[in-house]
Protein backbone atom coordinates (compact mmCIF):
# COMPACT_ATOMS: atom_id res chain seq x y z
CA MET A 1 0.00 0.00 0.00
CA SER A 2 1.49 3.32 -1.08
CA PHE A 3 0.95 6.51 0.88
CA GLY A 4 2.57 8.80 -1.67
CA VAL A 5 0.93 11.93 -2.94
CA GLY A 6 -1.05 11.09 -6.04
CA MET A 7 -2.14 13.20 -8.96
CA LEU A 8 -5.52 14.05 -7.43
CA GLU A 9 -3.97 15.22 -4.16
CA ARG A 10 -1.47 17.43 -6.02
CA TYR A 11 -4.30 18.93 -8.07
CA VAL A 12 -6.40 19.74 -4.99
CA LEU A 13 -3.37 21.12 -3.15
CA ARG A 14 -2.38 23.31 -6.10
CA LYS A 15 -5.91 24.70 -6.46
CA THR A 16 -6.25 25.33 -2.72
CA VAL A 17 -2.87 27.07 -2.38
CA ALA A 18 -3.60 29.25 -5.43
CA SER A 19 -6.97 30.20 -3.99
CA LEU A 20 -5.42 30.99 -0.59
CA ALA A 21 -2.79 33.17 -2.24
CA ALA A 22 -5.46 35.02 -4.20
CA ALA A 23 -7.52 35.58 -1.05
CA LEU A 24 -4.42 36.88 0.76
CA ALA A 25 -3.63 39.26 -2.10
CA VAL A 26 -7.15 40.67 -2.35
CA LEU A 27 -7.94 40.96 1.35
CA GLY A 28 -4.44 42.14 2.20
CA ALA A 29 -4.52 44.84 -0.46
CA LEU A 30 -7.91 46.12 0.69
CA VAL A 31 -6.98 46.19 4.36
CA MET A 32 -3.57 47.73 3.68
CA LEU A 33 -5.20 50.44 1.58
CA VAL A 34 -7.52 51.31 4.45
CA ALA A 35 -4.58 51.20 6.89
CA PHE A 36 -2.54 53.48 4.61
CA VAL A 37 -5.33 56.05 4.48
CA ASP A 38 -5.78 55.87 8.25
CA ILE A 39 -2.05 56.31 8.89
CA ALA A 40 -1.86 59.15 6.37
CA ARG A 41 -4.74 60.91 8.06
CA SER A 42 -3.40 60.49 11.60
CA VAL A 43 0.33 61.03 10.94
CA GLY A 44 -0.06 63.56 8.15
CA THR A 45 -1.70 66.10 10.45
CA ARG A 46 1.08 65.92 13.05
CA ALA A 47 4.22 65.63 10.97
CA GLU A 48 5.41 66.31 7.49
CA ALA A 49 5.60 62.72 6.20
CA GLY A 50 6.01 61.76 2.59
CA PHE A 51 4.52 58.90 0.66
CA LEU A 52 7.44 56.54 1.27
CA GLU A 53 7.42 57.11 5.03
CA LEU A 54 3.68 56.43 5.18
CA LEU A 55 4.10 53.34 3.03
CA PHE A 56 6.90 52.14 5.31
CA LEU A 57 4.66 52.56 8.37
CA THR A 58 1.90 50.64 6.62
CA VAL A 59 4.25 47.78 5.70
CA LEU A 60 5.42 47.61 9.32
CA GLN A 61 1.81 46.99 10.29
CA ALA A 62 1.39 44.20 7.68
CA PRO A 63 2.35 41.14 9.79
CA ALA A 64 -0.18 42.00 12.49
CA THR A 65 -2.80 42.57 9.82
CA ILE A 66 -2.10 39.19 8.19
CA LEU A 67 -2.47 37.43 11.54
CA VAL A 68 -5.85 39.06 12.08
CA LEU A 69 -6.94 38.16 8.53
CA ALA A 70 -5.78 34.51 8.72
CA PRO A 71 -9.15 32.96 9.67
CA PHE A 72 -10.91 34.87 6.89
CA LEU A 73 -8.20 33.95 4.41
CA PHE A 74 -8.70 30.26 5.05
CA LEU A 75 -12.47 30.66 5.01
CA PHE A 76 -12.61 32.48 1.68
CA GLY A 77 -9.57 30.74 0.23
CA THR A 78 -11.00 27.26 0.61
CA LEU A 79 -14.44 28.22 -0.69
CA GLY A 80 -13.09 28.72 -4.22
CA PRO A 81 -11.73 25.22 -4.91
CA LEU A 82 -14.57 23.55 -3.02
CA SER A 83 -17.32 25.33 -4.92
CA ALA A 84 -15.61 24.61 -8.26
CA SER A 85 -15.39 20.90 -7.44
CA ILE A 86 -19.07 20.77 -6.47
CA ASP A 87 -20.10 22.12 -9.87
CA VAL A 88 -18.05 19.49 -11.67
CA ALA A 89 -19.34 16.64 -9.50
CA SER A 90 -23.04 17.39 -9.96
């Protein structure tokens, strides 16, 4: 009995990882855009900060944002491959 990864498992894994990456890109971009505007509004009134400084502050906040988004990423990221496989099966 072989417990290797077969063709079907690789296909499902590839589809799921691609969907998770797409969900991370979309949700991360939206949340980082909102964070950038919030930082620009709060920091821009107190100090003369340029675009690169504000972008740097937003990127520093990115790991915490990704941790907060992780449950939603897996929720939305796994819905894509699962819903596509349901359509094919029925």
